[in-house]
Amino acid sequence: EQVVNCKDDLAQYYLMECIIQVFPDDYHL
C-alpha cells in the first residue's frame, strides 16, 4: 500500500526490489 501510494517511480522500483530480495522464497511463493 505504501509502495503504490508513494507515486515515485524510482522509489517504487527500489522498494519492490527490497521486498523480493529481503523476504524468504517460501513467503513469496
PDB file of all heavy atoms in Angstrom:
ATOM      1  N   GLU A   1       0.846  -1.212   0.000  1.00  0.00           N
ATOM      2  CA  GLU A   1       0.000   0.000   0.000  1.00  0.00           C
ATOM      3  C   GLU A   1       0.875   1.254   0.000  1.00  0.00           C
ATOM      4  O   GLU A   1       0.623   2.209  -0.745  1.00  0.00           O
ATOM      5  CB  GLU A   1      -0.928  -0.021   1.207  1.00  0.00           C
ATOM      6  CG  GLU A   1      -1.879   1.170   1.268  1.00  0.00           C
ATOM      7  CD  GLU A   1      -2.755   1.135   2.520  1.00  0.00           C
ATOM      8  OE1 GLU A   1      -2.754   0.118   3.240  1.00  0.00           O
ATOM      9  OE2 GLU A   1      -3.424   2.162   2.770  1.00  0.00           O
ATOM     10  N   GLN A   2       1.912   1.233   0.833  1.00  0.00           N
ATOM     11  CA  GLN A   2       2.842   2.375   0.888  1.00  0.00           C
ATOM     12  C   GLN A   2       3.581   2.534  -0.445  1.00  0.00           C
ATOM     13  O   GLN A   2       3.786   3.654  -0.931  1.00  0.00           O
ATOM     14  CB  GLN A   2       3.859   2.161   2.028  1.00  0.00           C
ATOM     15  CG  GLN A   2       3.261   2.139   3.415  1.00  0.00           C
ATOM     16  CD  GLN A   2       2.659   3.492   3.796  1.00  0.00           C
ATOM     17  OE1 GLN A   2       3.211   4.537   3.442  1.00  0.00           O
ATOM     18  NE2 GLN A   2       1.521   3.469   4.476  1.00  0.00           N
ATOM     19  N   VAL A   3       3.961   1.409  -1.030  1.00  0.00           N
ATOM     20  CA  VAL A   3       4.708   1.462  -2.298  1.00  0.00           C
ATOM     21  C   VAL A   3       3.850   2.087  -3.388  1.00  0.00           C
ATOM     22  O   VAL A   3       4.292   2.974  -4.137  1.00  0.00           O
ATOM     23  CB  VAL A   3       5.165   0.054  -2.706  1.00  0.00           C
ATOM     24  CG1 VAL A   3       5.770   0.070  -4.111  1.00  0.00           C
ATOM     25  CG2 VAL A   3       6.183  -0.501  -1.710  1.00  0.00           C
ATOM     26  N   VAL A   4       2.607   1.624  -3.498  1.00  0.00           N
ATOM     27  CA  VAL A   4       1.727   2.128  -4.568  1.00  0.00           C
ATOM     28  C   VAL A   4       1.414   3.604  -4.357  1.00  0.00           C
ATOM     29  O   VAL A   4       1.381   4.399  -5.301  1.00  0.00           O
ATOM     30  CB  VAL A   4       0.433   1.287  -4.615  1.00  0.00           C
ATOM     31  CG1 VAL A   4      -0.581   1.938  -5.555  1.00  0.00           C
ATOM     32  CG2 VAL A   4       0.744  -0.151  -5.047  1.00  0.00           C
ATOM     33  N   ASN A   5       1.192   4.015  -3.115  1.00  0.00           N
ATOM     34  CA  ASN A   5       0.759   5.386  -2.826  1.00  0.00           C
ATOM     35  C   ASN A   5       1.868   6.414  -2.935  1.00  0.00           C
ATOM     36  O   ASN A   5       1.602   7.609  -3.043  1.00  0.00           O
ATOM     37  CB  ASN A   5       0.132   5.458  -1.423  1.00  0.00           C
ATOM     38  CG  ASN A   5      -1.213   4.764  -1.380  1.00  0.00           C
ATOM     39  OD1 ASN A   5      -1.860   4.622  -2.423  1.00  0.00           O
ATOM     40  ND2 ASN A   5      -1.629   4.316  -0.208  1.00  0.00           N
ATOM     41  N   CYS A   6       3.133   5.980  -2.935  1.00  0.00           N
ATOM     42  CA  CYS A   6       4.209   6.975  -2.961  1.00  0.00           C
ATOM     43  C   CYS A   6       4.321   7.660  -4.319  1.00  0.00           C
ATOM     44  O   CYS A   6       4.859   8.775  -4.426  1.00  0.00           O
ATOM     45  CB  CYS A   6       5.535   6.344  -2.556  1.00  0.00           C
ATOM     46  SG  CYS A   6       6.313   5.364  -3.851  1.00  0.00           S
ATOM     47  N   LYS A   7       3.848   7.017  -5.378  1.00  0.00           N
ATOM     48  CA  LYS A   7       3.765   7.608  -6.722  1.00  0.00           C
ATOM     49  C   LYS A   7       5.118   7.993  -7.327  1.00  0.00           C
ATOM     50  O   LYS A   7       5.165   8.672  -8.343  1.00  0.00           O
ATOM     51  CB  LYS A   7       2.856   8.857  -6.720  1.00  0.00           C
ATOM     52  CG  LYS A   7       1.457   8.638  -6.196  1.00  0.00           C
ATOM     53  CD  LYS A   7       0.688   7.655  -7.067  1.00  0.00           C
ATOM     54  CE  LYS A   7      -0.758   7.492  -6.594  1.00  0.00           C
ATOM     55  NZ  LYS A   7      -1.476   6.486  -7.374  1.00  0.00           N
ATOM     56  N   ASP A   8       6.200   7.611  -6.705  1.00  0.00           N
ATOM     57  CA  ASP A   8       7.516   7.952  -7.246  1.00  0.00           C
ATOM     58  C   ASP A   8       8.101   6.690  -7.904  1.00  0.00           C
ATOM     59  O   ASP A   8       8.287   5.665  -7.243  1.00  0.00           O
ATOM     60  CB  ASP A   8       8.434   8.433  -6.120  1.00  0.00           C
ATOM     61  CG  ASP A   8       9.818   8.811  -6.664  1.00  0.00           C
ATOM     62  OD1 ASP A   8      10.685   7.905  -6.717  1.00  0.00           O
ATOM     63  OD2 ASP A   8      10.018   9.970  -7.051  1.00  0.00           O
ATOM     64  N   ASP A   9       8.380   6.763  -9.214  1.00  0.00           N
ATOM     65  CA  ASP A   9       8.771   5.553  -9.942  1.00  0.00           C
ATOM     66  C   ASP A   9      10.088   4.963  -9.429  1.00  0.00           C
ATOM     67  O   ASP A   9      10.233   3.745  -9.305  1.00  0.00           O
ATOM     68  CB  ASP A   9       8.859   5.820 -11.442  1.00  0.00           C
ATOM     69  CG  ASP A   9       9.778   6.984 -11.778  1.00  0.00           C
ATOM     70  OD1 ASP A   9      10.270   7.636 -10.850  1.00  0.00           O
ATOM     71  OD2 ASP A   9      10.009   7.214 -12.983  1.00  0.00           O
ATOM     72  N   LEU A  10      11.056   5.823  -9.087  1.00  0.00           N
ATOM     73  CA  LEU A  10      12.336   5.323  -8.593  1.00  0.00           C
ATOM     74  C   LEU A  10      12.165   4.621  -7.244  1.00  0.00           C
ATOM     75  O   LEU A  10      12.718   3.543  -6.997  1.00  0.00           O
ATOM     76  CB  LEU A  10      13.337   6.469  -8.470  1.00  0.00           C
ATOM     77  CG  LEU A  10      14.780   6.082  -8.163  1.00  0.00           C
ATOM     78  CD1 LEU A  10      15.338   5.182  -9.253  1.00  0.00           C
ATOM     79  CD2 LEU A  10      15.651   7.326  -8.010  1.00  0.00           C
ATOM     80  N   ALA A  11      11.356   5.254  -6.367  1.00  0.00           N
ATOM     81  CA  ALA A  11      11.109   4.666  -5.042  1.00  0.00           C
ATOM     82  C   ALA A  11      10.331   3.360  -5.174  1.00  0.00           C
ATOM     83  O   ALA A  11      10.615   2.369  -4.466  1.00  0.00           O
ATOM     84  CB  ALA A  11      10.345   5.652  -4.170  1.00  0.00           C
ATOM     85  N   GLN A  12       9.343   3.349  -6.059  1.00  0.00           N
ATOM     86  CA  GLN A  12       8.547   2.133  -6.229  1.00  0.00           C
ATOM     87  C   GLN A  12       9.426   0.962  -6.680  1.00  0.00           C
ATOM     88  O   GLN A  12       9.327  -0.152  -6.163  1.00  0.00           O
ATOM     89  CB  GLN A  12       7.430   2.380  -7.245  1.00  0.00           C
ATOM     90  CG  GLN A  12       6.303   3.253  -6.703  1.00  0.00           C
ATOM     91  CD  GLN A  12       5.202   3.450  -7.719  1.00  0.00           C
ATOM     92  OE1 GLN A  12       5.407   3.334  -8.925  1.00  0.00           O
ATOM     93  NE2 GLN A  12       4.012   3.764  -7.238  1.00  0.00           N
ATOM     94  N   TYR A  13      10.315   1.243  -7.656  1.00  0.00           N
ATOM     95  CA  TYR A  13      11.191   0.185  -8.152  1.00  0.00           C
ATOM     96  C   TYR A  13      12.095  -0.323  -7.028  1.00  0.00           C
ATOM     97  O   TYR A  13      12.248  -1.530  -6.818  1.00  0.00           O
ATOM     98  CB  TYR A  13      12.026   0.695  -9.324  1.00  0.00           C
ATOM     99  CG  TYR A  13      13.056  -0.307  -9.812  1.00  0.00           C
ATOM    100  CD1 TYR A  13      12.689  -1.372 -10.642  1.00  0.00           C
ATOM    101  CD2 TYR A  13      14.388  -0.212  -9.413  1.00  0.00           C
ATOM    102  CE1 TYR A  13      13.613  -2.307 -11.077  1.00  0.00           C
ATOM    103  CE2 TYR A  13      15.332  -1.146  -9.851  1.00  0.00           C
ATOM    104  CZ  TYR A  13      14.936  -2.185 -10.670  1.00  0.00           C
ATOM    105  OH  TYR A  13      15.852  -3.110 -11.079  1.00  0.00           O
ATOM    106  N   TYR A  14      12.673   0.599  -6.277  1.00  0.00           N
ATOM    107  CA  TYR A  14      13.610   0.229  -5.206  1.00  0.00           C
ATOM    108  C   TYR A  14      12.907  -0.582  -4.106  1.00  0.00           C
ATOM    109  O   TYR A  14      13.423  -1.596  -3.632  1.00  0.00           O
ATOM    110  CB  TYR A  14      14.244   1.491  -4.608  1.00  0.00           C
ATOM    111  CG  TYR A  14      15.110   1.228  -3.409  1.00  0.00           C
ATOM    112  CD1 TYR A  14      16.348   0.599  -3.543  1.00  0.00           C
ATOM    113  CD2 TYR A  14      14.674   1.592  -2.128  1.00  0.00           C
ATOM    114  CE1 TYR A  14      17.124   0.339  -2.428  1.00  0.00           C
ATOM    115  CE2 TYR A  14      15.456   1.339  -1.019  1.00  0.00           C
ATOM    116  CZ  TYR A  14      16.679   0.717  -1.170  1.00  0.00           C
ATOM    117  OH  TYR A  14      17.453   0.454  -0.076  1.00  0.00           O
ATOM    118  N   LEU A  15      11.723  -0.126  -3.713  1.00  0.00           N
ATOM    119  CA  LEU A  15      11.003  -0.802  -2.632  1.00  0.00           C
ATOM    120  C   LEU A  15      10.521  -2.203  -3.063  1.00  0.00           C
ATOM    121  O   LEU A  15      10.576  -3.156  -2.277  1.00  0.00           O
ATOM    122  CB  LEU A  15       9.820   0.050  -2.181  1.00  0.00           C
ATOM    123  CG  LEU A  15      10.209   1.357  -1.467  1.00  0.00           C
ATOM    124  CD1 LEU A  15       8.982   2.238  -1.264  1.00  0.00           C
ATOM    125  CD2 LEU A  15      10.860   1.036  -0.114  1.00  0.00           C
ATOM    126  N   MET A  16      10.058  -2.333  -4.304  1.00  0.00           N
ATOM    127  CA  MET A  16       9.637  -3.658  -4.806  1.00  0.00           C
ATOM    128  C   MET A  16      10.840  -4.604  -4.848  1.00  0.00           C
ATOM    129  O   MET A  16      10.730  -5.796  -4.487  1.00  0.00           O
ATOM    130  CB  MET A  16       9.021  -3.535  -6.193  1.00  0.00           C
ATOM    131  CG  MET A  16       7.662  -2.868  -6.217  1.00  0.00           C
ATOM    132  SD  MET A  16       6.393  -3.804  -5.312  1.00  0.00           S
ATOM    133  CE  MET A  16       6.167  -5.206  -6.384  1.00  0.00           C
ATOM    134  N   GLU A  17      11.998  -4.077  -5.252  1.00  0.00           N
ATOM    135  CA  GLU A  17      13.212  -4.891  -5.283  1.00  0.00           C
ATOM    136  C   GLU A  17      13.579  -5.334  -3.859  1.00  0.00           C
ATOM    137  O   GLU A  17      13.992  -6.480  -3.635  1.00  0.00           O
ATOM    138  CB  GLU A  17      14.350  -4.094  -5.915  1.00  0.00           C
ATOM    139  CG  GLU A  17      15.604  -4.924  -6.178  1.00  0.00           C
ATOM    140  CD  GLU A  17      16.681  -4.114  -6.873  1.00  0.00           C
ATOM    141  OE1 GLU A  17      16.793  -2.903  -6.615  1.00  0.00           O
ATOM    142  OE2 GLU A  17      17.420  -4.714  -7.662  1.00  0.00           O
ATOM    143  N   CYS A  18      13.426  -4.417  -2.892  1.00  0.00           N
ATOM    144  CA  CYS A  18      13.715  -4.755  -1.493  1.00  0.00           C
ATOM    145  C   CYS A  18      12.818  -5.887  -0.991  1.00  0.00           C
ATOM    146  O   CYS A  18      13.274  -6.815  -0.310  1.00  0.00           O
ATOM    147  CB  CYS A  18      13.531  -3.528  -0.607  1.00  0.00           C
ATOM    148  SG  CYS A  18      14.859  -2.322  -0.780  1.00  0.00           S
ATOM    149  N   ILE A  19      11.530  -5.798  -1.319  1.00  0.00           N
ATOM    150  CA  ILE A  19      10.593  -6.832  -0.883  1.00  0.00           C
ATOM    151  C   ILE A  19      11.039  -8.200  -1.407  1.00  0.00           C
ATOM    152  O   ILE A  19      11.065  -9.207  -0.683  1.00  0.00           O
ATOM    153  CB  ILE A  19       9.163  -6.507  -1.364  1.00  0.00           C
ATOM    154  CG1 ILE A  19       8.630  -5.258  -0.653  1.00  0.00           C
ATOM    155  CG2 ILE A  19       8.225  -7.704  -1.140  1.00  0.00           C
ATOM    156  CD1 ILE A  19       7.311  -4.764  -1.208  1.00  0.00           C
ATOM    157  N   ILE A  20      11.396  -8.229  -2.695  1.00  0.00           N
ATOM    158  CA  ILE A  20      11.778  -9.502  -3.322  1.00  0.00           C
ATOM    159  C   ILE A  20      13.070 -10.048  -2.718  1.00  0.00           C
ATOM    160  O   ILE A  20      13.218 -11.250  -2.484  1.00  0.00           O
ATOM    161  CB  ILE A  20      11.901  -9.323  -4.853  1.00  0.00           C
ATOM    162  CG1 ILE A  20      10.498  -9.085  -5.455  1.00  0.00           C
ATOM    163  CG2 ILE A  20      12.578 -10.526  -5.503  1.00  0.00           C
ATOM    164  CD1 ILE A  20      10.506  -8.682  -6.894  1.00  0.00           C
ATOM    165  N   GLN A  21      14.025  -9.157  -2.466  1.00  0.00           N
ATOM    166  CA  GLN A  21      15.338  -9.619  -2.011  1.00  0.00           C
ATOM    167  C   GLN A  21      15.370  -9.940  -0.510  1.00  0.00           C
ATOM    168  O   GLN A  21      16.139 -10.801  -0.074  1.00  0.00           O
ATOM    169  CB  GLN A  21      16.407  -8.549  -2.328  1.00  0.00           C
ATOM    170  CG  GLN A  21      16.601  -8.269  -3.816  1.00  0.00           C
ATOM    171  CD  GLN A  21      17.049  -9.495  -4.590  1.00  0.00           C
ATOM    172  OE1 GLN A  21      17.631 -10.401  -4.030  1.00  0.00           O
ATOM    173  NE2 GLN A  21      16.739  -9.523  -5.881  1.00  0.00           N
ATOM    174  N   VAL A  22      14.523  -9.248   0.284  1.00  0.00           N
ATOM    175  CA  VAL A  22      14.633  -9.362   1.742  1.00  0.00           C
ATOM    176  C   VAL A  22      13.860 -10.550   2.303  1.00  0.00           C
ATOM    177  O   VAL A  22      14.361 -11.283   3.161  1.00  0.00           O
ATOM    178  CB  VAL A  22      14.169  -8.054   2.419  1.00  0.00           C
ATOM    179  CG1 VAL A  22      14.014  -8.266   3.921  1.00  0.00           C
ATOM    180  CG2 VAL A  22      15.146  -6.932   2.122  1.00  0.00           C
ATOM    181  N   PHE A  23      12.638 -10.772   1.838  1.00  0.00           N
ATOM    182  CA  PHE A  23      11.800 -11.798   2.448  1.00  0.00           C
ATOM    183  C   PHE A  23      12.099 -13.175   1.851  1.00  0.00           C
ATOM    184  O   PHE A  23      12.535 -13.291   0.712  1.00  0.00           O
ATOM    185  CB  PHE A  23      10.322 -11.434   2.280  1.00  0.00           C
ATOM    186  CG  PHE A  23       9.920 -10.241   3.103  1.00  0.00           C
ATOM    187  CD1 PHE A  23       9.779  -8.992   2.521  1.00  0.00           C
ATOM    188  CD2 PHE A  23       9.710 -10.377   4.475  1.00  0.00           C
ATOM    189  CE1 PHE A  23       9.426  -7.891   3.287  1.00  0.00           C
ATOM    190  CE2 PHE A  23       9.353  -9.267   5.241  1.00  0.00           C
ATOM    191  CZ  PHE A  23       9.216  -8.019   4.654  1.00  0.00           C
ATOM    192  N   PRO A  24      11.860 -14.246   2.605  1.00  0.00           N
ATOM    193  CA  PRO A  24      12.211 -15.613   2.168  1.00  0.00           C
ATOM    194  C   PRO A  24      11.435 -16.059   0.934  1.00  0.00           C
ATOM    195  O   PRO A  24      10.334 -15.567   0.650  1.00  0.00           O
ATOM    196  CB  PRO A  24      11.849 -16.476   3.380  1.00  0.00           C
ATOM    197  CG  PRO A  24      11.785 -15.533   4.526  1.00  0.00           C
ATOM    198  CD  PRO A  24      11.322 -14.225   3.964  1.00  0.00           C
ATOM    199  N   ASP A  25      12.028 -17.036   0.224  1.00  0.00           N
ATOM    200  CA  ASP A  25      11.419 -17.541  -1.012  1.00  0.00           C
ATOM    201  C   ASP A  25      10.052 -18.163  -0.752  1.00  0.00           C
ATOM    202  O   ASP A  25       9.126 -17.985  -1.542  1.00  0.00           O
ATOM    203  CB  ASP A  25      12.344 -18.591  -1.656  1.00  0.00           C
ATOM    204  CG  ASP A  25      13.685 -18.000  -2.049  1.00  0.00           C
ATOM    205  OD1 ASP A  25      13.685 -16.905  -2.632  1.00  0.00           O
ATOM    206  OD2 ASP A  25      14.722 -18.636  -1.808  1.00  0.00           O
ATOM    207  N   ASP A  26       9.939 -18.924   0.335  1.00  0.00           N
ATOM    208  CA  ASP A  26       8.659 -19.585   0.578  1.00  0.00           C
ATOM    209  C   ASP A  26       7.560 -18.574   0.912  1.00  0.00           C
ATOM    210  O   ASP A  26       6.381 -18.831   0.653  1.00  0.00           O
ATOM    211  CB  ASP A  26       8.781 -20.640   1.687  1.00  0.00           C
ATOM    212  CG  ASP A  26       9.361 -20.063   2.966  1.00  0.00           C
ATOM    213  OD1 ASP A  26      10.024 -19.012   2.892  1.00  0.00           O
ATOM    214  OD2 ASP A  26       9.157 -20.676   4.033  1.00  0.00           O
ATOM    215  N   TYR A  27       7.946 -17.411   1.449  1.00  0.00           N
ATOM    216  CA  TYR A  27       6.955 -16.341   1.678  1.00  0.00           C
ATOM    217  C   TYR A  27       6.412 -15.860   0.329  1.00  0.00           C
ATOM    218  O   TYR A  27       5.206 -15.671   0.147  1.00  0.00           O
ATOM    219  CB  TYR A  27       7.598 -15.174   2.422  1.00  0.00           C
ATOM    220  CG  TYR A  27       7.746 -15.353   3.915  1.00  0.00           C
ATOM    221  CD1 TYR A  27       7.953 -16.609   4.472  1.00  0.00           C
ATOM    222  CD2 TYR A  27       7.667 -14.255   4.768  1.00  0.00           C
ATOM    223  CE1 TYR A  27       8.093 -16.766   5.846  1.00  0.00           C
ATOM    224  CE2 TYR A  27       7.807 -14.400   6.148  1.00  0.00           C
ATOM    225  CZ  TYR A  27       8.035 -15.660   6.674  1.00  0.00           C
ATOM    226  OH  TYR A  27       8.177 -15.809   8.021  1.00  0.00           O
ATOM    227  N   HIS A  28       7.347 -15.630  -0.619  1.00  0.00           N
ATOM    228  CA  HIS A  28       6.917 -15.160  -1.952  1.00  0.00           C
ATOM    229  C   HIS A  28       6.007 -16.182  -2.626  1.00  0.00           C
ATOM    230  O   HIS A  28       5.016 -15.810  -3.283  1.00  0.00           O
ATOM    231  CB  HIS A  28       8.133 -14.902  -2.843  1.00  0.00           C
ATOM    232  CG  HIS A  28       9.017 -13.781  -2.363  1.00  0.00           C
ATOM    233  ND1 HIS A  28       8.511 -12.609  -1.848  1.00  0.00           N
ATOM    234  CD2 HIS A  28      10.370 -13.653  -2.324  1.00  0.00           C
ATOM    235  CE1 HIS A  28       9.512 -11.800  -1.513  1.00  0.00           C
ATOM    236  NE2 HIS A  28      10.659 -12.418  -1.790  1.00  0.00           N
ATOM    237  N   LEU A  29       6.354 -17.443  -2.478  1.00  0.00           N
ATOM    238  CA  LEU A  29       5.576 -18.496  -3.141  1.00  0.00           C
ATOM    239  C   LEU A  29       4.126 -18.497  -2.652  1.00  0.00           C
ATOM    240  O   LEU A  29       3.204 -18.753  -3.441  1.00  0.00           O
ATOM    241  CB  LEU A  29       6.236 -19.854  -2.870  1.00  0.00           C
ATOM    242  CG  LEU A  29       5.665 -21.060  -3.617  1.00  0.00           C
ATOM    243  CD1 LEU A  29       5.743 -20.858  -5.122  1.00  0.00           C
ATOM    244  CD2 LEU A  29       6.416 -22.339  -3.222  1.00  0.00           C
TER     245      LEU A  29
END
